[in-house]
Amino acid sequence: MAAHAAVPARRLPNTHGWAVPATIGILYGLYAPVIVRDGGALSWGQFWLGLISAVVLAVAIYGLRRYGGRLRRELRAVAWGALTGIAIGFLYSLSGASIYSSSLLGLIVAGVNGGAAFYLFYTHEDAAGRPAPY
């Protein structure tokens, strides 16, 4: 009984799972028909709008989280900015706003989120793109 009791290796939590993208997609998919419905009864078209928009957003978020690390930090920040800008612009367009105001809001959100993502990636990676050692 002189065997050494080794401390079990710590496993890092899997951050590339489906839980976060699915949750965001479901919330997005529930909110999209509410905007279009405008207080009326839910129709099949609104149901399919919510389901398709939820699936598309969840798959896009999963793809960026899973494979975005292969991109340089600038392109990854642009991809996150574009995804959020498109998502918010689409939701705003469902409210009946003009295409110009929806596009402007999407561009503003994309710029802000892309800048924030770039700052986050820039401060948490070294020059080669590996996570910082701290």
N, C-alpha and C. Protein backbone atom coordinates (compact mmCIF):
# COMPACT_ATOMS: atom_id res chain seq x y z
N MET A 1 0.80 -1.20 0.00
CA MET A 1 0.00 0.00 0.00
C MET A 1 0.84 1.26 0.00
N ALA A 2 1.97 1.19 -0.62
CA ALA A 2 2.83 2.35 -0.69
C ALA A 2 2.62 3.11 -1.99
N ALA A 3 1.53 2.85 -2.67
CA ALA A 3 1.26 3.52 -3.94
C ALA A 3 0.94 4.99 -3.69
N HIS A 4 1.38 5.78 -4.60
CA HIS A 4 1.15 7.21 -4.51
C HIS A 4 -0.27 7.54 -4.98
N ALA A 5 -0.96 8.30 -4.23
CA ALA A 5 -2.31 8.72 -4.62
C ALA A 5 -2.18 9.97 -5.48
N ALA A 6 -2.26 9.78 -6.76
CA ALA A 6 -2.08 10.89 -7.69
C ALA A 6 -3.33 11.77 -7.69
N VAL A 7 -3.08 13.03 -7.79
CA VAL A 7 -4.17 13.98 -7.91
C VAL A 7 -4.74 13.86 -9.32
N PRO A 8 -6.05 13.70 -9.45
CA PRO A 8 -6.60 13.58 -10.81
C PRO A 8 -6.37 14.85 -11.61
N ALA A 9 -6.09 14.66 -12.88
CA ALA A 9 -5.83 15.80 -13.76
C ALA A 9 -7.09 16.64 -13.90
N ARG A 10 -6.90 17.94 -13.88
CA ARG A 10 -8.05 18.85 -14.05
C ARG A 10 -8.40 18.92 -15.51
N ARG A 11 -9.64 18.72 -15.81
CA ARG A 11 -10.11 18.87 -17.18
C ARG A 11 -10.75 20.24 -17.32
N LEU A 12 -10.37 20.92 -18.36
CA LEU A 12 -10.99 22.22 -18.61
C LEU A 12 -12.41 22.01 -19.09
N PRO A 13 -13.32 22.88 -18.70
CA PRO A 13 -14.70 22.72 -19.15
C PRO A 13 -14.79 22.92 -20.67
N ASN A 14 -15.65 22.17 -21.29
CA ASN A 14 -15.85 22.26 -22.73
C ASN A 14 -16.67 23.51 -23.03
N THR A 15 -16.04 24.51 -23.60
CA THR A 15 -16.75 25.75 -23.92
C THR A 15 -17.31 25.75 -25.32
N HIS A 16 -17.11 24.66 -26.05
CA HIS A 16 -17.58 24.62 -27.42
C HIS A 16 -18.79 23.71 -27.58
N GLY A 17 -19.57 23.60 -26.54
CA GLY A 17 -20.76 22.76 -26.59
C GLY A 17 -21.93 23.48 -27.23
N TRP A 18 -23.04 22.81 -27.18
CA TRP A 18 -24.25 23.34 -27.80
C TRP A 18 -25.12 24.13 -26.83
N ALA A 19 -24.82 24.15 -25.53
CA ALA A 19 -25.72 24.76 -24.56
C ALA A 19 -25.90 26.26 -24.78
N VAL A 20 -24.81 26.99 -24.88
CA VAL A 20 -24.91 28.45 -25.05
C VAL A 20 -25.50 28.83 -26.40
N PRO A 21 -25.03 28.26 -27.52
CA PRO A 21 -25.66 28.61 -28.80
C PRO A 21 -27.14 28.22 -28.86
N ALA A 22 -27.49 27.08 -28.29
CA ALA A 22 -28.89 26.66 -28.32
C ALA A 22 -29.76 27.59 -27.48
N THR A 23 -29.27 28.01 -26.33
CA THR A 23 -30.03 28.91 -25.48
C THR A 23 -30.23 30.27 -26.16
N ILE A 24 -29.18 30.81 -26.73
CA ILE A 24 -29.30 32.09 -27.42
C ILE A 24 -30.21 31.95 -28.63
N GLY A 25 -30.08 30.85 -29.37
CA GLY A 25 -30.94 30.62 -30.52
C GLY A 25 -32.40 30.49 -30.15
N ILE A 26 -32.69 29.79 -29.07
CA ILE A 26 -34.07 29.63 -28.63
C ILE A 26 -34.66 30.97 -28.22
N LEU A 27 -33.92 31.75 -27.46
CA LEU A 27 -34.42 33.07 -27.05
C LEU A 27 -34.65 33.97 -28.26
N TYR A 28 -33.74 33.94 -29.21
CA TYR A 28 -33.87 34.72 -30.44
C TYR A 28 -35.08 34.24 -31.24
N GLY A 29 -35.23 32.92 -31.34
CA GLY A 29 -36.35 32.36 -32.07
C GLY A 29 -37.70 32.61 -31.42
N LEU A 30 -37.72 32.76 -30.12
CA LEU A 30 -38.97 33.11 -29.44
C LEU A 30 -39.29 34.59 -29.59
N TYR A 31 -38.28 35.42 -29.67
CA TYR A 31 -38.50 36.86 -29.75
C TYR A 31 -38.90 37.32 -31.15
N ALA A 32 -38.38 36.67 -32.18
CA ALA A 32 -38.68 37.10 -33.55
C ALA A 32 -40.17 37.04 -33.88
N PRO A 33 -40.90 35.96 -33.58
CA PRO A 33 -42.34 35.97 -33.88
C PRO A 33 -43.14 36.95 -33.02
N VAL A 34 -42.63 37.25 -31.83
CA VAL A 34 -43.34 38.21 -30.98
C VAL A 34 -43.33 39.59 -31.63
N ILE A 35 -42.23 39.94 -32.26
CA ILE A 35 -42.15 41.22 -32.95
C ILE A 35 -43.11 41.26 -34.12
N VAL A 36 -43.14 40.19 -34.91
CA VAL A 36 -43.98 40.15 -36.09
C VAL A 36 -45.45 40.04 -35.72
N ARG A 37 -45.76 39.30 -34.67
CA ARG A 37 -47.14 39.04 -34.27
C ARG A 37 -47.87 40.31 -33.88
N ASP A 38 -47.21 41.22 -33.21
CA ASP A 38 -47.77 42.52 -32.82
C ASP A 38 -49.07 42.38 -32.04
N GLY A 39 -49.13 41.42 -31.13
CA GLY A 39 -50.28 41.26 -30.26
C GLY A 39 -51.36 40.35 -30.80
N GLY A 40 -51.26 39.88 -32.02
CA GLY A 40 -52.26 38.99 -32.59
C GLY A 40 -51.95 37.53 -32.27
N ALA A 41 -52.71 36.67 -32.93
CA ALA A 41 -52.52 35.24 -32.73
C ALA A 41 -51.31 34.75 -33.52
N LEU A 42 -50.71 33.69 -33.03
CA LEU A 42 -49.55 33.11 -33.69
C LEU A 42 -49.99 32.31 -34.91
N SER A 43 -49.34 32.55 -36.04
CA SER A 43 -49.65 31.80 -37.26
C SER A 43 -48.50 30.83 -37.56
N TRP A 44 -48.74 29.93 -38.53
CA TRP A 44 -47.70 28.98 -38.89
C TRP A 44 -46.49 29.67 -39.51
N GLY A 45 -46.72 30.73 -40.26
CA GLY A 45 -45.61 31.47 -40.84
C GLY A 45 -44.72 32.08 -39.78
N GLN A 46 -45.32 32.60 -38.72
CA GLN A 46 -44.53 33.17 -37.64
C GLN A 46 -43.80 32.08 -36.86
N PHE A 47 -44.45 30.93 -36.72
CA PHE A 47 -43.80 29.80 -36.07
C PHE A 47 -42.55 29.38 -36.83
N TRP A 48 -42.67 29.25 -38.16
CA TRP A 48 -41.53 28.84 -38.97
C TRP A 48 -40.45 29.92 -39.00
N LEU A 49 -40.85 31.18 -38.97
CA LEU A 49 -39.88 32.27 -38.88
C LEU A 49 -39.04 32.14 -37.62
N GLY A 50 -39.69 31.90 -36.49
CA GLY A 50 -38.97 31.75 -35.24
C GLY A 50 -38.08 30.52 -35.22
N LEU A 51 -38.58 29.41 -35.74
CA LEU A 51 -37.80 28.18 -35.73
C LEU A 51 -36.57 28.28 -36.64
N ILE A 52 -36.76 28.79 -37.83
CA ILE A 52 -35.64 28.90 -38.76
C ILE A 52 -34.62 29.92 -38.27
N SER A 53 -35.07 31.06 -37.75
CA SER A 53 -34.11 32.05 -37.26
C SER A 53 -33.36 31.53 -36.03
N ALA A 54 -34.02 30.74 -35.19
CA ALA A 54 -33.34 30.16 -34.03
C ALA A 54 -32.26 29.17 -34.47
N VAL A 55 -32.58 28.32 -35.42
CA VAL A 55 -31.62 27.32 -35.88
C VAL A 55 -30.43 27.99 -36.58
N VAL A 56 -30.72 28.97 -37.43
CA VAL A 56 -29.63 29.64 -38.16
C VAL A 56 -28.70 30.36 -37.20
N LEU A 57 -29.24 31.08 -36.23
CA LEU A 57 -28.39 31.80 -35.29
C LEU A 57 -27.60 30.83 -34.41
N ALA A 58 -28.24 29.76 -33.93
CA ALA A 58 -27.54 28.80 -33.07
C ALA A 58 -26.41 28.12 -33.83
N VAL A 59 -26.63 27.75 -35.09
CA VAL A 59 -25.57 27.10 -35.88
C VAL A 59 -24.44 28.10 -36.15
N ALA A 60 -24.78 29.35 -36.43
CA ALA A 60 -23.74 30.35 -36.69
C ALA A 60 -22.89 30.61 -35.44
N ILE A 61 -23.53 30.71 -34.29
CA ILE A 61 -22.78 30.92 -33.05
C ILE A 61 -21.91 29.70 -32.75
N TYR A 62 -22.47 28.51 -32.92
CA TYR A 62 -21.69 27.30 -32.69
C TYR A 62 -20.48 27.24 -33.62
N GLY A 63 -20.69 27.56 -34.88
CA GLY A 63 -19.59 27.54 -35.84
C GLY A 63 -18.50 28.53 -35.49
N LEU A 64 -18.89 29.74 -35.09
CA LEU A 64 -17.87 30.73 -34.72
C LEU A 64 -17.14 30.34 -33.45
N ARG A 65 -17.86 29.77 -32.50
CA ARG A 65 -17.19 29.36 -31.27
C ARG A 65 -16.29 28.15 -31.50
N ARG A 66 -16.71 27.26 -32.37
CA ARG A 66 -15.96 26.03 -32.61
C ARG A 66 -14.76 26.25 -33.53
N TYR A 67 -14.97 26.95 -34.63
CA TYR A 67 -13.93 27.09 -35.64
C TYR A 67 -13.36 28.50 -35.74
N GLY A 68 -13.83 29.43 -34.95
CA GLY A 68 -13.33 30.80 -35.01
C GLY A 68 -11.90 30.95 -34.55
N GLY A 69 -11.43 30.04 -33.73
CA GLY A 69 -10.06 30.11 -33.25
C GLY A 69 -9.02 29.92 -34.35
N ARG A 70 -9.45 29.37 -35.48
CA ARG A 70 -8.53 29.17 -36.60
C ARG A 70 -8.30 30.46 -37.38
N LEU A 71 -9.17 31.44 -37.18
CA LEU A 71 -9.04 32.72 -37.87
C LEU A 71 -8.09 33.62 -37.09
N ARG A 72 -7.48 34.57 -37.80
CA ARG A 72 -6.70 35.59 -37.10
C ARG A 72 -7.65 36.43 -36.28
N ARG A 73 -7.12 37.10 -35.28
CA ARG A 73 -7.98 37.83 -34.35
C ARG A 73 -8.78 38.93 -35.04
N GLU A 74 -8.23 39.55 -36.07
CA GLU A 74 -8.95 40.61 -36.78
C GLU A 74 -10.17 40.04 -37.51
N LEU A 75 -9.95 38.93 -38.22
CA LEU A 75 -11.06 38.31 -38.95
C LEU A 75 -12.10 37.72 -38.01
N ARG A 76 -11.65 37.20 -36.89
CA ARG A 76 -12.60 36.65 -35.91
C ARG A 76 -13.45 37.76 -35.32
N ALA A 77 -12.85 38.92 -35.05
CA ALA A 77 -13.61 40.05 -34.52
C ALA A 77 -14.61 40.55 -35.56
N VAL A 78 -14.20 40.60 -36.82
CA VAL A 78 -15.12 41.01 -37.89
C VAL A 78 -16.27 40.02 -38.00
N ALA A 79 -15.98 38.73 -37.88
CA ALA A 79 -17.03 37.72 -37.97
C ALA A 79 -18.04 37.85 -36.84
N TRP A 80 -17.58 38.07 -35.61
CA TRP A 80 -18.50 38.26 -34.50
C TRP A 80 -19.30 39.55 -34.66
N GLY A 81 -18.64 40.61 -35.13
CA GLY A 81 -19.35 41.85 -35.36
C GLY A 81 -20.40 41.70 -36.44
N ALA A 82 -20.07 41.02 -37.52
CA ALA A 82 -21.03 40.81 -38.60
C ALA A 82 -22.21 39.98 -38.12
N LEU A 83 -21.96 38.94 -37.35
CA LEU A 83 -23.04 38.09 -36.86
C LEU A 83 -24.00 38.87 -35.98
N THR A 84 -23.48 39.64 -35.05
CA THR A 84 -24.37 40.40 -34.17
C THR A 84 -25.08 41.52 -34.92
N GLY A 85 -24.39 42.17 -35.84
CA GLY A 85 -25.02 43.23 -36.62
C GLY A 85 -26.15 42.71 -37.48
N ILE A 86 -25.94 41.57 -38.13
CA ILE A 86 -26.99 40.97 -38.95
C ILE A 86 -28.17 40.55 -38.09
N ALA A 87 -27.88 39.94 -36.94
CA ALA A 87 -28.97 39.47 -36.07
C ALA A 87 -29.82 40.62 -35.55
N ILE A 88 -29.18 41.68 -35.10
CA ILE A 88 -29.93 42.82 -34.56
C ILE A 88 -30.64 43.57 -35.67
N GLY A 89 -29.98 43.76 -36.81
CA GLY A 89 -30.63 44.42 -37.94
C GLY A 89 -31.85 43.66 -38.43
N PHE A 90 -31.77 42.33 -38.45
CA PHE A 90 -32.91 41.52 -38.86
C PHE A 90 -34.07 41.66 -37.89
N LEU A 91 -33.79 41.60 -36.59
CA LEU A 91 -34.86 41.77 -35.61
C LEU A 91 -35.50 43.15 -35.73
N TYR A 92 -34.69 44.16 -35.94
CA TYR A 92 -35.23 45.51 -36.06
C TYR A 92 -36.06 45.65 -37.33
N SER A 93 -35.67 44.97 -38.40
CA SER A 93 -36.45 45.05 -39.63
C SER A 93 -37.79 44.35 -39.49
N LEU A 94 -37.90 43.37 -38.61
CA LEU A 94 -39.17 42.69 -38.39
C LEU A 94 -40.21 43.61 -37.76
N SER A 95 -39.77 44.68 -37.10
CA SER A 95 -40.71 45.59 -36.45
C SER A 95 -41.36 46.55 -37.44
N GLY A 96 -40.96 46.47 -38.70
CA GLY A 96 -41.55 47.34 -39.71
C GLY A 96 -40.71 48.57 -40.00
N ALA A 97 -39.53 48.64 -39.47
CA ALA A 97 -38.65 49.78 -39.71
C ALA A 97 -38.14 49.73 -41.15
N SER A 98 -37.69 50.86 -41.64
CA SER A 98 -37.19 50.90 -43.01
C SER A 98 -35.87 50.14 -43.13
N ILE A 99 -35.54 49.80 -44.36
CA ILE A 99 -34.31 49.06 -44.61
C ILE A 99 -33.09 49.91 -44.26
N TYR A 100 -33.19 51.21 -44.41
CA TYR A 100 -32.07 52.08 -44.10
C TYR A 100 -31.80 52.15 -42.60
N SER A 101 -32.86 52.30 -41.82
CA SER A 101 -32.65 52.36 -40.37
C SER A 101 -32.22 51.01 -39.82
N SER A 102 -32.75 49.92 -40.40
CA SER A 102 -32.32 48.59 -39.96
C SER A 102 -30.86 48.35 -40.30
N SER A 103 -30.45 48.77 -41.49
CA SER A 103 -29.05 48.60 -41.89
C SER A 103 -28.13 49.47 -41.04
N LEU A 104 -28.56 50.69 -40.76
CA LEU A 104 -27.74 51.58 -39.94
C LEU A 104 -27.56 51.03 -38.53
N LEU A 105 -28.65 50.55 -37.94
CA LEU A 105 -28.54 49.96 -36.60
C LEU A 105 -27.66 48.72 -36.63
N GLY A 106 -27.81 47.88 -37.65
CA GLY A 106 -26.97 46.70 -37.77
C GLY A 106 -25.50 47.05 -37.92
N LEU A 107 -25.20 48.08 -38.70
CA LEU A 107 -23.80 48.51 -38.87
C LEU A 107 -23.23 49.07 -37.57
N ILE A 108 -24.03 49.83 -36.84
CA ILE A 108 -23.56 50.39 -35.56
C ILE A 108 -23.27 49.26 -34.57
N VAL A 109 -24.20 48.32 -34.46
CA VAL A 109 -24.00 47.19 -33.54
C VAL A 109 -22.80 46.35 -33.97
N ALA A 110 -22.67 46.12 -35.29
CA ALA A 110 -21.54 45.34 -35.79
C ALA A 110 -20.21 46.03 -35.48
N GLY A 111 -20.15 47.34 -35.66
CA GLY A 111 -18.92 48.07 -35.37
C GLY A 111 -18.55 48.04 -33.90
N VAL A 112 -19.53 48.25 -33.05
CA VAL A 112 -19.26 48.26 -31.61
C VAL A 112 -18.86 46.86 -31.13
N ASN A 113 -19.62 45.86 -31.55
CA ASN A 113 -19.30 44.51 -31.09
C ASN A 113 -18.01 43.99 -31.71
N GLY A 114 -17.75 44.32 -32.96
CA GLY A 114 -16.49 43.92 -33.57
C GLY A 114 -15.30 44.57 -32.88
N GLY A 115 -15.43 45.85 -32.52
CA GLY A 115 -14.36 46.52 -31.79
C GLY A 115 -14.14 45.93 -30.41
N ALA A 116 -15.22 45.60 -29.72
CA ALA A 116 -15.10 44.99 -28.40
C ALA A 116 -14.49 43.59 -28.51
N ALA A 117 -14.89 42.84 -29.52
CA ALA A 117 -14.32 41.50 -29.71
C ALA A 117 -12.84 41.59 -30.03
N PHE A 118 -12.46 42.54 -30.89
CA PHE A 118 -11.04 42.70 -31.20
C PHE A 118 -10.24 43.06 -29.96
N TYR A 119 -10.76 43.95 -29.13
CA TYR A 119 -10.08 44.32 -27.90
C TYR A 119 -9.91 43.10 -27.00
N LEU A 120 -10.96 42.31 -26.87
CA LEU A 120 -10.88 41.11 -26.04
C LEU A 120 -9.85 40.13 -26.59
N PHE A 121 -9.87 39.88 -27.89
CA PHE A 121 -8.91 38.94 -28.48
C PHE A 121 -7.49 39.50 -28.39
N TYR A 122 -7.32 40.78 -28.61
CA TYR A 122 -6.00 41.40 -28.60
C TYR A 122 -5.36 41.36 -27.21
N THR A 123 -6.18 41.54 -26.18
CA THR A 123 -5.63 41.57 -24.82
C THR A 123 -5.51 40.19 -24.19
N HIS A 124 -6.07 39.16 -24.82
CA HIS A 124 -6.03 37.83 -24.24
C HIS A 124 -5.24 36.83 -25.09
N GLU A 125 -4.50 37.31 -26.10
CA GLU A 125 -3.68 36.44 -26.93
C GLU A 125 -2.29 37.05 -27.09
N ASP A 126 -1.31 36.19 -27.39
CA ASP A 126 0.00 36.72 -27.73
C ASP A 126 0.04 37.00 -29.23
N ALA A 127 1.20 37.37 -29.73
CA ALA A 127 1.31 37.76 -31.15
C ALA A 127 1.04 36.61 -32.10
N ALA A 128 1.26 35.38 -31.65
CA ALA A 128 1.04 34.21 -32.51
C ALA A 128 -0.40 33.73 -32.47
N GLY A 129 -1.25 34.33 -31.63
CA GLY A 129 -2.65 33.93 -31.56
C GLY A 129 -2.94 32.89 -30.50
N ARG A 130 -1.93 32.55 -29.67
CA ARG A 130 -2.17 31.58 -28.61
C ARG A 130 -2.71 32.32 -27.39
N PRO A 131 -3.52 31.65 -26.56
CA PRO A 131 -4.02 32.31 -25.35
C PRO A 131 -2.88 32.77 -24.45
N ALA A 132 -3.08 33.90 -23.81
CA ALA A 132 -2.06 34.44 -22.93
C ALA A 132 -1.84 33.51 -21.74
N PRO A 133 -0.62 33.49 -21.20
CA PRO A 133 -0.32 32.52 -20.13
C PRO A 133 -0.91 32.87 -18.77
N TYR A 134 -1.54 34.01 -18.62
CA TYR A 134 -2.06 34.36 -17.30
C TYR A 134 -3.43 33.85 -17.07
